[in-house]
């Protein structure tokens, strides 16, 4: 798919509390470019040269070649990331899948392939397939100053979710792995009964003492949902931008949040189990067999916004 040429629309913070939107002739400084060239093969994600961590986060017996697909869908909102006028560049989208229960022997002994085993301990309650930028070691440049994380996602009609479960689709985990500064969720929160009007939604949540929900929108099918989240790592400021399909990003919320803890950015699927209140959801609970679920991602990158520069289109 062709990357549209043209000037980038950036969002510039003024010296006051107000904001000014304008066209800029210089692009924001790129810290991580996670967009996927069209000639990429799934096995490239398993190579040491991958721009994503080739070892995390996936099932203990999986490779990325088992998980990554390249769907034939319309283009996501794609940005020029290195020069103002970038023409004839080809990018593709990726479909991250969860799988379960491949029959290994004729006695119907099953192995759930999307079970991550950090430190060798199986997280049997979760199902996980998540991409992490290879440069993102927890204290790197993506968690210094002020940065903006961009991503687009859409449902995969051939691999639908079971929204009676809670899913985390994008999240930034603190370096001590204890919590997340922000996370994008869908489905029924653990312990709640699914209500479509409430839970077939995309809910961006923060780590706040007041309302945790930073932004919410219906999770419409076959639509690109575009997000950008600006985090001031040395303060409590967090800003959310959102749009659909090829529309430019618009300001959705500016608020305070506990941004401490640095950490790593995850793009992918973390599916919680269902079960009784009080269980250890990482290691207990119910997950159905025959799992074949997926989500389509595109337009992933992280930019430096310490000078107020934020790419909107």
Protein backbone atom coordinates (compact mmCIF):
# COMPACT_ATOMS: atom_id res chain seq x y z
CA UNK A 1 0.00 0.00 0.00
CA UNK A 2 1.28 3.40 -0.88
CA UNK A 3 2.25 5.75 1.88
CA UNK A 4 0.64 9.07 1.07
CA UNK A 5 3.10 11.87 0.58
CA UNK A 6 2.65 15.34 1.99
CA UNK A 7 3.39 17.50 4.99
CA UNK A 8 2.83 16.00 8.40
CA UNK A 9 0.13 17.49 10.56
CA UNK A 10 1.59 17.89 14.03
CA UNK A 11 0.13 18.90 17.35
CA UNK A 12 2.30 21.52 19.06
CA UNK A 13 1.98 22.39 22.73
CA UNK A 14 2.05 26.13 23.34
CA UNK A 15 3.74 27.68 26.33
CA UNK A 16 0.37 28.21 27.96
CA UNK A 17 -2.21 25.57 28.93
CA UNK A 18 -3.88 25.83 25.54
CA UNK A 19 -2.94 23.88 22.41
CA UNK A 20 -2.22 24.98 18.86
CA UNK A 21 -2.63 22.74 15.85
CA UNK A 22 -0.60 23.56 12.77
CA UNK A 23 1.18 22.15 9.76
CA UNK A 24 4.90 21.65 10.35
CA UNK A 25 7.68 21.48 7.84
CA UNK A 26 9.86 19.35 10.08
CA UNK A 27 8.83 15.93 11.36
CA UNK A 28 8.98 14.79 14.94
CA UNK A 29 12.10 12.88 15.97
CA UNK A 30 11.48 9.17 15.51
CA UNK A 31 12.56 6.92 18.39
CA UNK A 32 11.14 3.60 17.17
CA UNK A 33 9.72 2.69 13.76
CA UNK A 34 7.57 -0.42 14.01
CA UNK A 35 5.88 -0.18 10.62
CA UNK A 36 6.38 -3.32 8.55
CA UNK A 37 7.80 -3.21 5.00
CA UNK A 38 5.62 -5.05 2.49
CA UNK A 39 8.30 -7.65 1.67
CA UNK A 40 8.60 -8.77 5.31
CA UNK A 41 8.13 -12.48 6.05
CA UNK A 42 6.64 -13.80 9.30
CA UNK A 43 9.90 -15.61 10.07
CA UNK A 44 11.72 -12.25 10.04
CA UNK A 45 10.16 -11.57 13.45
CA UNK A 46 12.15 -14.51 14.84
CA UNK A 47 15.48 -13.11 13.64
CA UNK A 48 17.88 -11.20 15.88
CA UNK A 49 17.65 -8.35 13.38
CA UNK A 50 13.90 -7.86 13.97
CA UNK A 51 12.85 -4.40 15.17
CA UNK A 52 10.70 -6.25 17.72
CA UNK A 53 11.94 -8.47 20.54
CA UNK A 54 12.21 -11.89 18.91
CA UNK A 55 11.83 -13.77 22.21
CA UNK A 56 8.94 -12.01 23.97
CA UNK A 57 5.97 -12.25 24.47
CA UNK A 58 4.72 -15.53 23.02
CA UNK A 59 3.99 -19.13 23.98
CA UNK A 60 6.96 -21.13 25.21
CA UNK A 61 6.86 -23.51 22.22
CA UNK A 62 5.88 -20.93 19.60
CA UNK A 63 7.77 -18.89 17.07
CA UNK A 64 6.60 -15.59 15.62
CA UNK A 65 6.23 -17.37 12.29
CA UNK A 66 3.43 -19.36 13.98
CA UNK A 67 1.67 -16.18 15.09
CA UNK A 68 2.19 -13.40 12.54
CA UNK A 69 0.07 -13.15 9.40
CA UNK A 70 -0.23 -10.39 6.79
CA UNK A 71 -3.94 -9.73 6.15
CA UNK A 72 -5.40 -8.38 2.93
CA UNK A 73 -7.20 -5.33 4.32
CA UNK A 74 -7.32 -1.63 3.55
CA UNK A 75 -4.46 0.55 4.70
CA UNK A 76 -4.27 1.90 8.21
CA UNK A 77 -3.48 5.53 8.92
CA UNK A 78 0.18 5.47 7.87
CA UNK A 79 2.63 8.22 8.61
CA UNK A 80 5.84 9.43 6.98
CA UNK A 81 8.35 8.82 9.72
CA UNK A 82 11.74 10.00 8.50
CA UNK A 83 11.27 12.80 5.99
CA UNK A 84 8.59 15.36 5.23
CA UNK A 85 7.83 14.15 1.71
CA UNK A 86 8.21 10.39 1.50
CA UNK A 87 6.86 8.85 -1.70
CA UNK A 88 6.38 5.35 -3.05
CA UNK A 89 7.05 3.60 0.25
CA UNK A 90 5.28 0.30 0.81
CA UNK A 91 4.08 -0.85 4.22
CA UNK A 92 1.87 -3.70 5.35
CA UNK A 93 -0.31 -4.58 8.34
CA UNK A 94 0.19 -7.52 10.67
CA UNK A 95 -2.35 -9.89 12.18
CA UNK A 96 -1.36 -11.17 15.63
CA UNK A 97 -3.10 -14.40 16.59
CA UNK A 98 -3.78 -16.48 19.66
CA UNK A 99 -3.92 -20.23 19.25
CA UNK A 100 -4.81 -23.09 21.51
CA UNK A 101 -4.91 -26.74 21.82
CA UNK A 102 -3.04 -28.29 18.90
CA UNK A 103 -3.32 -32.07 19.14
CA UNK A 104 0.17 -33.43 19.73
CA UNK A 105 -0.57 -37.12 20.11
CA UNK A 106 -3.50 -39.37 19.31
CA UNK A 107 -4.56 -39.56 22.95
CA UNK A 108 -5.93 -36.00 22.68
CA UNK A 109 -3.21 -34.55 24.84
CA UNK A 110 -3.35 -30.84 24.06
CA UNK A 111 -0.77 -28.09 24.33
CA UNK A 112 -2.00 -24.51 24.63
CA UNK A 113 0.43 -22.68 22.44
CA UNK A 114 -0.18 -19.14 23.61
CA UNK A 115 0.92 -19.68 27.21
CA UNK A 116 3.88 -17.49 28.11
CA UNK A 117 6.37 -18.86 30.66
CA UNK A 118 8.44 -16.02 32.16
CA UNK A 119 11.27 -17.50 34.16
CA UNK A 120 9.99 -20.96 33.25
CA UNK A 121 6.70 -20.52 35.16
CA UNK A 122 3.69 -21.05 32.90
CA UNK A 123 1.08 -18.28 33.00
CA UNK A 124 -1.63 -20.86 32.41
CA UNK A 125 -4.47 -18.42 33.13
CA UNK A 126 -3.45 -16.00 30.38
CA UNK A 127 -3.18 -16.35 26.61
CA UNK A 128 -0.55 -13.96 25.25
CA UNK A 129 0.92 -12.83 21.92
CA UNK A 130 2.57 -9.40 22.24
CA UNK A 131 5.22 -7.50 20.32
CA UNK A 132 7.73 -5.32 22.21
CA UNK A 133 10.12 -2.90 20.48
CA UNK A 134 13.59 -4.45 20.52
CA UNK A 135 15.19 -1.21 21.75
CA UNK A 136 12.73 -0.94 24.64
CA UNK A 137 14.72 -2.36 27.57
CA UNK A 138 12.78 -0.49 30.26
CA UNK A 139 15.05 2.54 30.67
CA UNK A 140 15.79 3.42 27.01
CA UNK A 141 14.99 6.58 25.05
CA UNK A 142 11.32 5.62 24.59
CA UNK A 143 10.73 6.25 28.33
CA UNK A 144 12.74 9.47 28.65
CA UNK A 145 11.38 13.01 28.54
CA UNK A 146 8.02 13.07 26.74
CA UNK A 147 7.17 10.51 24.06
CA UNK A 148 4.16 9.66 21.92
CA UNK A 149 3.19 6.08 21.11
CA UNK A 150 1.20 5.54 17.89
CA UNK A 151 -0.76 2.49 16.78
CA UNK A 152 -3.76 1.48 14.69
CA UNK A 153 -5.82 -1.68 15.10
CA UNK A 154 -8.93 -3.35 13.72
CA UNK A 155 -10.89 -6.55 14.28
CA UNK A 156 -10.27 -9.69 12.25
CA UNK A 157 -13.63 -11.12 11.18
CA UNK A 158 -12.03 -14.51 10.49
CA UNK A 159 -10.64 -14.69 14.06
CA UNK A 160 -13.28 -13.09 16.30
CA UNK A 161 -12.79 -12.47 20.02
CA UNK A 162 -14.93 -14.01 22.76
CA UNK A 163 -15.83 -10.76 24.47
CA UNK A 164 -17.04 -12.50 27.62
CA UNK A 165 -13.31 -12.34 28.42
CA UNK A 166 -11.24 -9.23 29.13
CA UNK A 167 -8.51 -8.47 26.59
CA UNK A 168 -5.58 -6.08 26.85
CA UNK A 169 -4.59 -5.01 23.33
CA UNK A 170 -1.90 -2.37 23.90
CA UNK A 171 -0.27 -1.55 27.23
CA UNK A 172 2.83 0.01 28.73
CA UNK A 173 4.12 -2.16 31.57
CA UNK A 174 6.31 -0.72 34.32
CA UNK A 175 9.89 -1.96 34.55
CA UNK A 176 9.12 -3.94 37.74
CA UNK A 177 6.23 -5.73 35.92
CA UNK A 178 3.80 -4.76 38.70
CA UNK A 179 1.34 -2.58 36.76
CA UNK A 180 0.88 -0.48 33.62
CA UNK A 181 0.86 3.26 33.08
CA UNK A 182 -1.84 2.83 30.44
CA UNK A 183 -3.63 -0.02 28.71
CA UNK A 184 -6.19 -0.43 25.94
CA UNK A 185 -8.86 -2.99 26.80
CA UNK A 186 -11.92 -4.62 25.28
CA UNK A 187 -14.39 -7.27 26.40
CA UNK A 188 -16.02 -7.79 29.78
CA UNK A 189 -13.74 -6.89 32.70
CA UNK A 190 -12.78 -9.92 34.75
CA UNK A 191 -15.63 -10.90 37.06
CA UNK A 192 -18.33 -9.07 35.08
CA UNK A 193 -21.05 -10.42 32.77
CA UNK A 194 -20.70 -9.34 29.14
CA UNK A 195 -22.98 -6.46 28.11
CA UNK A 196 -22.40 -5.55 24.47
CA UNK A 197 -23.12 -1.84 24.79
CA UNK A 198 -20.62 -1.54 27.64
CA UNK A 199 -17.99 -4.10 26.74
CA UNK A 200 -17.74 -4.22 22.94
CA UNK A 201 -15.74 -1.06 23.34
CA UNK A 202 -12.14 0.08 23.22
CA UNK A 203 -11.29 1.49 26.64
CA UNK A 204 -8.02 3.27 27.23
CA UNK A 205 -7.30 3.16 30.94
CA UNK A 206 -4.62 4.87 32.97
CA UNK A 207 -3.14 4.52 36.43
CA UNK A 208 -5.02 7.25 38.28
CA UNK A 209 -6.51 7.85 41.68
CA UNK A 210 -9.75 9.12 40.09
CA UNK A 211 -11.51 7.62 37.06
CA UNK A 212 -9.20 5.13 35.37
CA UNK A 213 -10.82 5.50 31.94
CA UNK A 214 -9.00 8.01 29.76
CA UNK A 215 -11.07 7.38 26.63
CA UNK A 216 -13.72 4.94 25.37
CA UNK A 217 -15.23 4.29 21.95
CA UNK A 218 -17.36 1.49 20.41
CA UNK A 219 -15.19 -1.30 18.98
CA UNK A 220 -16.77 -1.16 15.53
CA UNK A 221 -15.83 -4.06 13.26
CA UNK A 222 -13.90 -3.64 10.01
CA UNK A 223 -12.79 -0.14 11.00
CA UNK A 224 -9.30 1.14 11.71
CA UNK A 225 -9.06 2.63 15.20
CA UNK A 226 -6.07 4.99 15.39
CA UNK A 227 -4.51 6.03 18.69
CA UNK A 228 -1.68 8.19 19.93
CA UNK A 229 -0.78 8.51 23.60
CA UNK A 230 1.65 11.19 24.77
CA UNK A 231 3.32 10.45 28.11
CA UNK A 232 5.43 12.89 30.11
CA UNK A 233 7.65 10.43 31.93
CA UNK A 234 8.92 12.97 34.47
CA UNK A 235 5.50 14.39 35.36
CA UNK A 236 1.85 13.34 35.55
CA UNK A 237 0.67 14.54 32.13
CA UNK A 238 -0.92 12.12 29.66
CA UNK A 239 -2.67 13.07 26.40
CA UNK A 240 -4.85 10.88 24.18
CA UNK A 241 -5.58 11.29 20.45
CA UNK A 242 -7.98 9.16 18.37
CA UNK A 243 -9.47 8.83 14.89
CA UNK A 244 -11.01 6.25 12.55
CA UNK A 245 -9.74 4.94 9.22
CA UNK A 246 -7.79 7.64 7.35
CA UNK A 247 -9.00 10.62 9.41
CA UNK A 248 -6.37 12.73 11.14
CA UNK A 249 -6.00 12.19 14.86
CA UNK A 250 -8.01 14.49 17.12
CA UNK A 251 -7.47 15.40 20.75
CA UNK A 252 -9.54 13.09 22.97
CA UNK A 253 -8.31 13.83 26.49
CA UNK A 254 -5.62 15.61 28.48
CA UNK A 255 -5.37 14.62 32.13
CA UNK A 256 -3.06 13.61 34.96
CA UNK A 257 -1.79 10.06 35.42
CA UNK A 258 0.84 8.19 37.41
CA UNK A 259 3.50 7.82 34.71
CA UNK A 260 6.29 6.59 37.00
CA UNK A 261 8.10 3.31 36.57
CA UNK A 262 9.37 3.53 32.96
CA UNK A 263 9.11 0.02 31.44
CA UNK A 264 8.14 -1.57 28.11
CA UNK A 265 5.51 -1.04 25.43
CA UNK A 266 3.40 -4.07 24.39
CA UNK A 267 1.38 -4.35 21.16
CA UNK A 268 -0.66 -7.53 21.01
CA UNK A 269 -3.21 -9.68 22.78
CA UNK A 270 -3.31 -10.55 26.46
CA UNK A 271 -6.51 -12.51 27.14
CA UNK A 272 -7.63 -12.95 30.73
CA UNK A 273 -9.50 -16.07 31.88
CA UNK A 274 -12.98 -16.20 33.30
CA UNK A 275 -13.46 -17.59 36.79
CA UNK A 276 -14.31 -16.90 40.39
CA UNK A 277 -13.40 -13.64 42.04
CA UNK A 278 -10.13 -13.80 43.91
CA UNK A 279 -8.36 -16.34 41.71
CA UNK A 280 -4.82 -15.77 40.48
CA UNK A 281 -5.77 -14.76 36.93
CA UNK A 282 -2.24 -15.28 35.60
CA UNK A 283 -2.20 -18.92 36.66
CA UNK A 284 -5.84 -19.98 37.19
CA UNK A 285 -9.23 -19.68 35.53
CA UNK A 286 -10.96 -20.95 32.39
CA UNK A 287 -9.89 -20.58 28.77
CA UNK A 288 -11.88 -22.33 26.05
CA UNK A 289 -10.18 -24.84 23.76
CA UNK A 290 -9.83 -24.55 20.00
CA UNK A 291 -8.75 -20.93 20.30
CA UNK A 292 -8.25 -19.10 17.00
CA UNK A 293 -8.44 -15.36 17.60
CA UNK A 294 -6.64 -12.46 16.05
CA UNK A 295 -6.30 -8.70 15.80
CA UNK A 296 -4.83 -6.57 13.03
CA UNK A 297 -2.24 -3.88 13.82
CA UNK A 298 -0.63 -1.18 11.72
CA UNK A 299 1.07 2.23 11.90
CA UNK A 300 3.16 1.50 15.01
CA UNK A 301 5.87 3.98 15.97
CA UNK A 302 7.15 6.03 18.92
CA UNK A 303 8.30 9.63 18.59
CA UNK A 304 9.99 12.22 20.80
CA UNK A 305 7.49 14.85 21.93
CA UNK A 306 9.71 16.63 24.44
CA UNK A 307 9.50 19.75 22.25
CA UNK A 308 5.72 19.44 21.86
CA UNK A 309 5.83 17.75 18.44
CA UNK A 310 3.10 15.16 17.85
CA UNK A 311 2.24 13.64 14.47
CA UNK A 312 -1.49 13.71 13.71
CA UNK A 313 -1.62 12.51 10.09
